[in-house]
Amino acid sequence: MSDDEETLNNWLAHLLRDRYFGVCEERSAYQQMQSELTALLDTMNSQMNIVKSEKETCEKQLQEALLSNQEVMKVLHTILVNMGVSIITNTMLALCVFYARIVL
């Protein structure tokens, strides 16, 4: 019975050792996956911040362009009124603005 018990104990020790190393390998794989995921999330967060900054810059430039366009329209309207053209349609004004943009 001693040989059977020793064989059983050896088999059990081998099984436990294999299971221990298997769990260690799984743990290492999970830690590596977590590290890679964290790095990926950091990269994505950084890219999102860059895109957000670029979006804000574009929105600011758009607002500046709209304000500039309004100023040009006011100046053009004032010039046309001073020249005696007090009655002007939106289409004619748009054509004048279009021409002014081409020339500028």
N, C-alpha and C. Protein backbone atom coordinates (compact mmCIF):
# COMPACT_ATOMS: atom_id res chain seq x y z
N MET A 1 0.82 -1.19 0.00
CA MET A 1 0.00 0.00 0.00
C MET A 1 0.86 1.25 0.00
N SER A 2 2.03 1.14 0.48
CA SER A 2 2.96 2.24 0.57
C SER A 2 3.35 2.74 -0.83
N ASP A 3 3.57 1.81 -1.78
CA ASP A 3 3.90 2.21 -3.15
C ASP A 3 2.75 2.96 -3.80
N ASP A 4 1.53 2.49 -3.56
CA ASP A 4 0.36 3.15 -4.13
C ASP A 4 0.18 4.55 -3.54
N GLU A 5 0.42 4.65 -2.27
CA GLU A 5 0.28 5.94 -1.59
C GLU A 5 1.37 6.90 -2.08
N GLU A 6 2.58 6.40 -2.25
CA GLU A 6 3.68 7.24 -2.73
C GLU A 6 3.43 7.66 -4.18
N THR A 7 2.94 6.73 -4.99
CA THR A 7 2.61 7.05 -6.38
C THR A 7 1.51 8.10 -6.44
N LEU A 8 0.51 7.93 -5.60
CA LEU A 8 -0.59 8.90 -5.53
C LEU A 8 -0.08 10.26 -5.09
N ASN A 9 0.78 10.30 -4.08
CA ASN A 9 1.33 11.57 -3.60
C ASN A 9 2.20 12.24 -4.67
N ASN A 10 2.99 11.45 -5.38
CA ASN A 10 3.80 12.00 -6.48
C ASN A 10 2.91 12.55 -7.60
N TRP A 11 1.89 11.80 -7.94
CA TRP A 11 0.97 12.24 -8.99
C TRP A 11 0.27 13.53 -8.56
N LEU A 12 -0.18 13.59 -7.30
CA LEU A 12 -0.86 14.77 -6.77
C LEU A 12 0.10 15.96 -6.74
N ALA A 13 1.34 15.77 -6.31
CA ALA A 13 2.32 16.85 -6.28
C ALA A 13 2.59 17.37 -7.69
N HIS A 14 2.73 16.46 -8.64
CA HIS A 14 2.94 16.85 -10.04
C HIS A 14 1.75 17.65 -10.57
N LEU A 15 0.55 17.17 -10.25
CA LEU A 15 -0.68 17.86 -10.68
C LEU A 15 -0.75 19.25 -10.08
N LEU A 16 -0.46 19.37 -8.79
CA LEU A 16 -0.49 20.68 -8.13
C LEU A 16 0.58 21.61 -8.68
N ARG A 17 1.77 21.08 -8.96
CA ARG A 17 2.84 21.89 -9.53
C ARG A 17 2.45 22.39 -10.92
N ASP A 18 1.89 21.49 -11.74
CA ASP A 18 1.44 21.90 -13.08
C ASP A 18 0.36 22.97 -12.98
N ARG A 19 -0.56 22.78 -12.06
CA ARG A 19 -1.64 23.75 -11.89
C ARG A 19 -1.09 25.09 -11.41
N TYR A 20 -0.13 25.05 -10.50
CA TYR A 20 0.49 26.28 -9.99
C TYR A 20 1.15 27.06 -11.13
N PHE A 21 1.94 26.38 -11.95
CA PHE A 21 2.61 27.06 -13.06
C PHE A 21 1.61 27.52 -14.11
N GLY A 22 0.55 26.77 -14.30
CA GLY A 22 -0.51 27.18 -15.24
C GLY A 22 -1.17 28.46 -14.77
N VAL A 23 -1.46 28.54 -13.47
CA VAL A 23 -2.08 29.75 -12.91
C VAL A 23 -1.11 30.93 -13.01
N CYS A 24 0.18 30.68 -12.76
CA CYS A 24 1.18 31.75 -12.89
C CYS A 24 1.24 32.28 -14.32
N GLU A 25 1.21 31.38 -15.30
CA GLU A 25 1.23 31.80 -16.70
C GLU A 25 -0.02 32.60 -17.06
N GLU A 26 -1.19 32.15 -16.58
CA GLU A 26 -2.43 32.88 -16.83
C GLU A 26 -2.36 34.27 -16.21
N ARG A 27 -1.85 34.34 -14.98
CA ARG A 27 -1.73 35.62 -14.29
C ARG A 27 -0.81 36.56 -15.07
N SER A 28 0.31 36.06 -15.55
CA SER A 28 1.24 36.87 -16.33
C SER A 28 0.58 37.35 -17.62
N ALA A 29 -0.17 36.46 -18.27
CA ALA A 29 -0.86 36.83 -19.51
C ALA A 29 -1.90 37.93 -19.23
N TYR A 30 -2.66 37.81 -18.15
CA TYR A 30 -3.64 38.83 -17.80
C TYR A 30 -2.97 40.16 -17.47
N GLN A 31 -1.84 40.11 -16.77
CA GLN A 31 -1.13 41.34 -16.44
C GLN A 31 -0.59 42.01 -17.70
N GLN A 32 -0.08 41.21 -18.62
CA GLN A 32 0.42 41.78 -19.87
C GLN A 32 -0.74 42.38 -20.68
N MET A 33 -1.86 41.66 -20.73
CA MET A 33 -3.03 42.17 -21.45
C MET A 33 -3.51 43.47 -20.82
N GLN A 34 -3.54 43.53 -19.49
CA GLN A 34 -3.96 44.75 -18.79
C GLN A 34 -3.01 45.90 -19.10
N SER A 35 -1.72 45.62 -19.12
CA SER A 35 -0.72 46.64 -19.43
C SER A 35 -0.90 47.17 -20.86
N GLU A 36 -1.10 46.24 -21.80
CA GLU A 36 -1.31 46.65 -23.20
C GLU A 36 -2.60 47.45 -23.35
N LEU A 37 -3.65 47.04 -22.65
CA LEU A 37 -4.91 47.76 -22.72
C LEU A 37 -4.77 49.16 -22.13
N THR A 38 -4.06 49.27 -21.03
CA THR A 38 -3.82 50.58 -20.41
C THR A 38 -3.05 51.48 -21.37
N ALA A 39 -2.03 50.94 -22.01
CA ALA A 39 -1.25 51.72 -22.97
C ALA A 39 -2.12 52.15 -24.15
N LEU A 40 -2.97 51.25 -24.62
CA LEU A 40 -3.86 51.57 -25.73
C LEU A 40 -4.85 52.66 -25.34
N LEU A 41 -5.41 52.56 -24.15
CA LEU A 41 -6.34 53.59 -23.67
C LEU A 41 -5.64 54.93 -23.51
N ASP A 42 -4.41 54.93 -23.02
CA ASP A 42 -3.65 56.18 -22.91
C ASP A 42 -3.42 56.81 -24.27
N THR A 43 -3.07 55.98 -25.24
CA THR A 43 -2.85 56.47 -26.61
C THR A 43 -4.13 57.06 -27.18
N MET A 44 -5.23 56.33 -27.01
CA MET A 44 -6.51 56.81 -27.53
C MET A 44 -6.93 58.10 -26.84
N ASN A 45 -6.70 58.20 -25.54
CA ASN A 45 -7.04 59.42 -24.80
C ASN A 45 -6.22 60.60 -25.30
N SER A 46 -4.94 60.36 -25.55
CA SER A 46 -4.07 61.40 -26.08
C SER A 46 -4.54 61.85 -27.47
N GLN A 47 -4.89 60.89 -28.32
CA GLN A 47 -5.39 61.23 -29.66
C GLN A 47 -6.70 62.00 -29.58
N MET A 48 -7.57 61.62 -28.65
CA MET A 48 -8.84 62.32 -28.50
C MET A 48 -8.60 63.76 -28.04
N ASN A 49 -7.62 63.96 -27.17
CA ASN A 49 -7.30 65.32 -26.72
C ASN A 49 -6.77 66.16 -27.86
N ILE A 50 -5.95 65.56 -28.72
CA ILE A 50 -5.42 66.27 -29.89
C ILE A 50 -6.56 66.66 -30.82
N VAL A 51 -7.46 65.72 -31.09
CA VAL A 51 -8.59 66.00 -31.98
C VAL A 51 -9.49 67.07 -31.38
N LYS A 52 -9.70 67.01 -30.07
CA LYS A 52 -10.52 68.02 -29.40
C LYS A 52 -9.89 69.40 -29.53
N SER A 53 -8.59 69.46 -29.35
CA SER A 53 -7.88 70.74 -29.49
C SER A 53 -7.98 71.27 -30.92
N GLU A 54 -7.80 70.38 -31.89
CA GLU A 54 -7.92 70.78 -33.30
C GLU A 54 -9.33 71.25 -33.61
N LYS A 55 -10.32 70.59 -33.04
CA LYS A 55 -11.72 70.98 -33.25
C LYS A 55 -11.96 72.38 -32.70
N GLU A 56 -11.44 72.63 -31.49
CA GLU A 56 -11.62 73.95 -30.89
C GLU A 56 -10.93 75.03 -31.72
N THR A 57 -9.75 74.71 -32.26
CA THR A 57 -9.05 75.65 -33.13
C THR A 57 -9.86 75.94 -34.39
N CYS A 58 -10.41 74.90 -35.00
CA CYS A 58 -11.23 75.07 -36.21
C CYS A 58 -12.48 75.89 -35.92
N GLU A 59 -13.12 75.62 -34.77
CA GLU A 59 -14.31 76.38 -34.41
C GLU A 59 -13.97 77.85 -34.19
N LYS A 60 -12.82 78.12 -33.57
CA LYS A 60 -12.38 79.50 -33.35
C LYS A 60 -12.12 80.18 -34.69
N GLN A 61 -11.44 79.47 -35.60
CA GLN A 61 -11.17 80.04 -36.92
C GLN A 61 -12.46 80.30 -37.68
N LEU A 62 -13.44 79.41 -37.54
CA LEU A 62 -14.73 79.60 -38.19
C LEU A 62 -15.42 80.84 -37.65
N GLN A 63 -15.40 81.01 -36.33
CA GLN A 63 -16.02 82.19 -35.73
C GLN A 63 -15.33 83.47 -36.20
N GLU A 64 -14.01 83.44 -36.27
CA GLU A 64 -13.27 84.61 -36.75
C GLU A 64 -13.62 84.91 -38.21
N ALA A 65 -13.75 83.85 -39.01
CA ALA A 65 -14.10 84.04 -40.42
C ALA A 65 -15.52 84.60 -40.56
N LEU A 66 -16.44 84.11 -39.73
CA LEU A 66 -17.81 84.63 -39.77
C LEU A 66 -17.85 86.10 -39.36
N LEU A 67 -17.10 86.46 -38.32
CA LEU A 67 -17.05 87.86 -37.90
C LEU A 67 -16.42 88.73 -38.98
N SER A 68 -15.37 88.23 -39.60
CA SER A 68 -14.73 88.95 -40.69
C SER A 68 -15.70 89.13 -41.86
N ASN A 69 -16.44 88.08 -42.16
CA ASN A 69 -17.42 88.16 -43.24
C ASN A 69 -18.49 89.20 -42.92
N GLN A 70 -18.94 89.25 -41.68
CA GLN A 70 -19.94 90.25 -41.29
C GLN A 70 -19.38 91.65 -41.45
N GLU A 71 -18.13 91.85 -41.05
CA GLU A 71 -17.50 93.16 -41.18
C GLU A 71 -17.39 93.56 -42.65
N VAL A 72 -17.00 92.62 -43.51
CA VAL A 72 -16.90 92.90 -44.95
C VAL A 72 -18.27 93.28 -45.50
N MET A 73 -19.30 92.55 -45.08
CA MET A 73 -20.65 92.85 -45.55
C MET A 73 -21.08 94.25 -45.11
N LYS A 74 -20.75 94.61 -43.87
CA LYS A 74 -21.11 95.96 -43.38
C LYS A 74 -20.37 97.04 -44.17
N VAL A 75 -19.07 96.84 -44.39
CA VAL A 75 -18.28 97.81 -45.15
C VAL A 75 -18.80 97.91 -46.57
N LEU A 76 -19.08 96.79 -47.19
CA LEU A 76 -19.59 96.79 -48.56
C LEU A 76 -20.94 97.49 -48.62
N HIS A 77 -21.79 97.23 -47.66
CA HIS A 77 -23.10 97.88 -47.62
C HIS A 77 -22.94 99.39 -47.46
N THR A 78 -22.02 99.80 -46.58
CA THR A 78 -21.77 101.23 -46.37
C THR A 78 -21.24 101.88 -47.64
N ILE A 79 -20.33 101.22 -48.31
CA ILE A 79 -19.77 101.76 -49.56
C ILE A 79 -20.87 101.92 -50.60
N LEU A 80 -21.71 100.91 -50.72
CA LEU A 80 -22.78 100.97 -51.73
C LEU A 80 -23.79 102.05 -51.39
N VAL A 81 -24.10 102.20 -50.13
CA VAL A 81 -25.04 103.26 -49.73
C VAL A 81 -24.42 104.62 -50.00
N ASN A 82 -23.14 104.79 -49.67
CA ASN A 82 -22.48 106.08 -49.91
C ASN A 82 -22.35 106.40 -51.39
N MET A 83 -22.33 105.38 -52.21
CA MET A 83 -22.24 105.60 -53.66
C MET A 83 -23.62 105.89 -54.27
N GLY A 84 -24.65 105.85 -53.47
CA GLY A 84 -25.97 106.15 -53.97
C GLY A 84 -26.79 104.92 -54.32
N VAL A 85 -26.30 103.80 -54.00
CA VAL A 85 -27.04 102.57 -54.28
C VAL A 85 -27.72 102.17 -52.98
N SER A 86 -28.86 102.78 -52.72
CA SER A 86 -29.55 102.52 -51.46
C SER A 86 -30.49 101.33 -51.54
N ILE A 87 -30.94 101.00 -52.74
CA ILE A 87 -31.83 99.86 -52.90
C ILE A 87 -31.05 98.76 -53.61
N ILE A 88 -30.78 97.70 -52.87
CA ILE A 88 -30.01 96.61 -53.45
C ILE A 88 -30.61 95.29 -52.96
N THR A 89 -30.69 94.35 -53.83
CA THR A 89 -31.25 93.06 -53.44
C THR A 89 -30.17 92.19 -52.81
N ASN A 90 -30.61 91.17 -52.12
CA ASN A 90 -29.66 90.24 -51.50
C ASN A 90 -28.79 89.56 -52.55
N THR A 91 -29.37 89.30 -53.70
CA THR A 91 -28.61 88.64 -54.76
C THR A 91 -27.49 89.53 -55.26
N MET A 92 -27.78 90.79 -55.47
CA MET A 92 -26.75 91.72 -55.94
C MET A 92 -25.66 91.88 -54.89
N LEU A 93 -26.06 91.96 -53.64
CA LEU A 93 -25.09 92.09 -52.57
C LEU A 93 -24.21 90.84 -52.51
N ALA A 94 -24.83 89.69 -52.68
CA ALA A 94 -24.07 88.44 -52.66
C ALA A 94 -23.08 88.40 -53.81
N LEU A 95 -23.49 88.88 -54.97
CA LEU A 95 -22.57 88.92 -56.12
C LEU A 95 -21.40 89.86 -55.84
N CYS A 96 -21.68 90.98 -55.20
CA CYS A 96 -20.61 91.92 -54.87
C CYS A 96 -19.63 91.28 -53.89
N VAL A 97 -20.16 90.58 -52.90
CA VAL A 97 -19.31 89.91 -51.92
C VAL A 97 -18.48 88.82 -52.61
N PHE A 98 -19.11 88.07 -53.50
CA PHE A 98 -18.40 87.03 -54.23
C PHE A 98 -17.25 87.63 -55.04
N TYR A 99 -17.54 88.75 -55.71
CA TYR A 99 -16.51 89.41 -56.50
C TYR A 99 -15.38 89.93 -55.59
N ALA A 100 -15.78 90.49 -54.45
CA ALA A 100 -14.78 91.00 -53.50
C ALA A 100 -13.87 89.89 -53.00
N ARG A 101 -14.43 88.71 -52.78
CA ARG A 101 -13.63 87.58 -52.32
C ARG A 101 -12.66 87.12 -53.40
N ILE A 102 -13.10 87.17 -54.65
CA ILE A 102 -12.23 86.76 -55.76
C ILE A 102 -11.07 87.74 -55.87
N VAL A 103 -11.37 89.01 -55.78
CA VAL A 103 -10.34 90.03 -55.92
C VAL A 103 -9.39 89.98 -54.74
N LEU A 104 -9.91 89.76 -53.54
CA LEU A 104 -9.05 89.71 -52.35
C LEU A 104 -8.33 88.40 -52.33
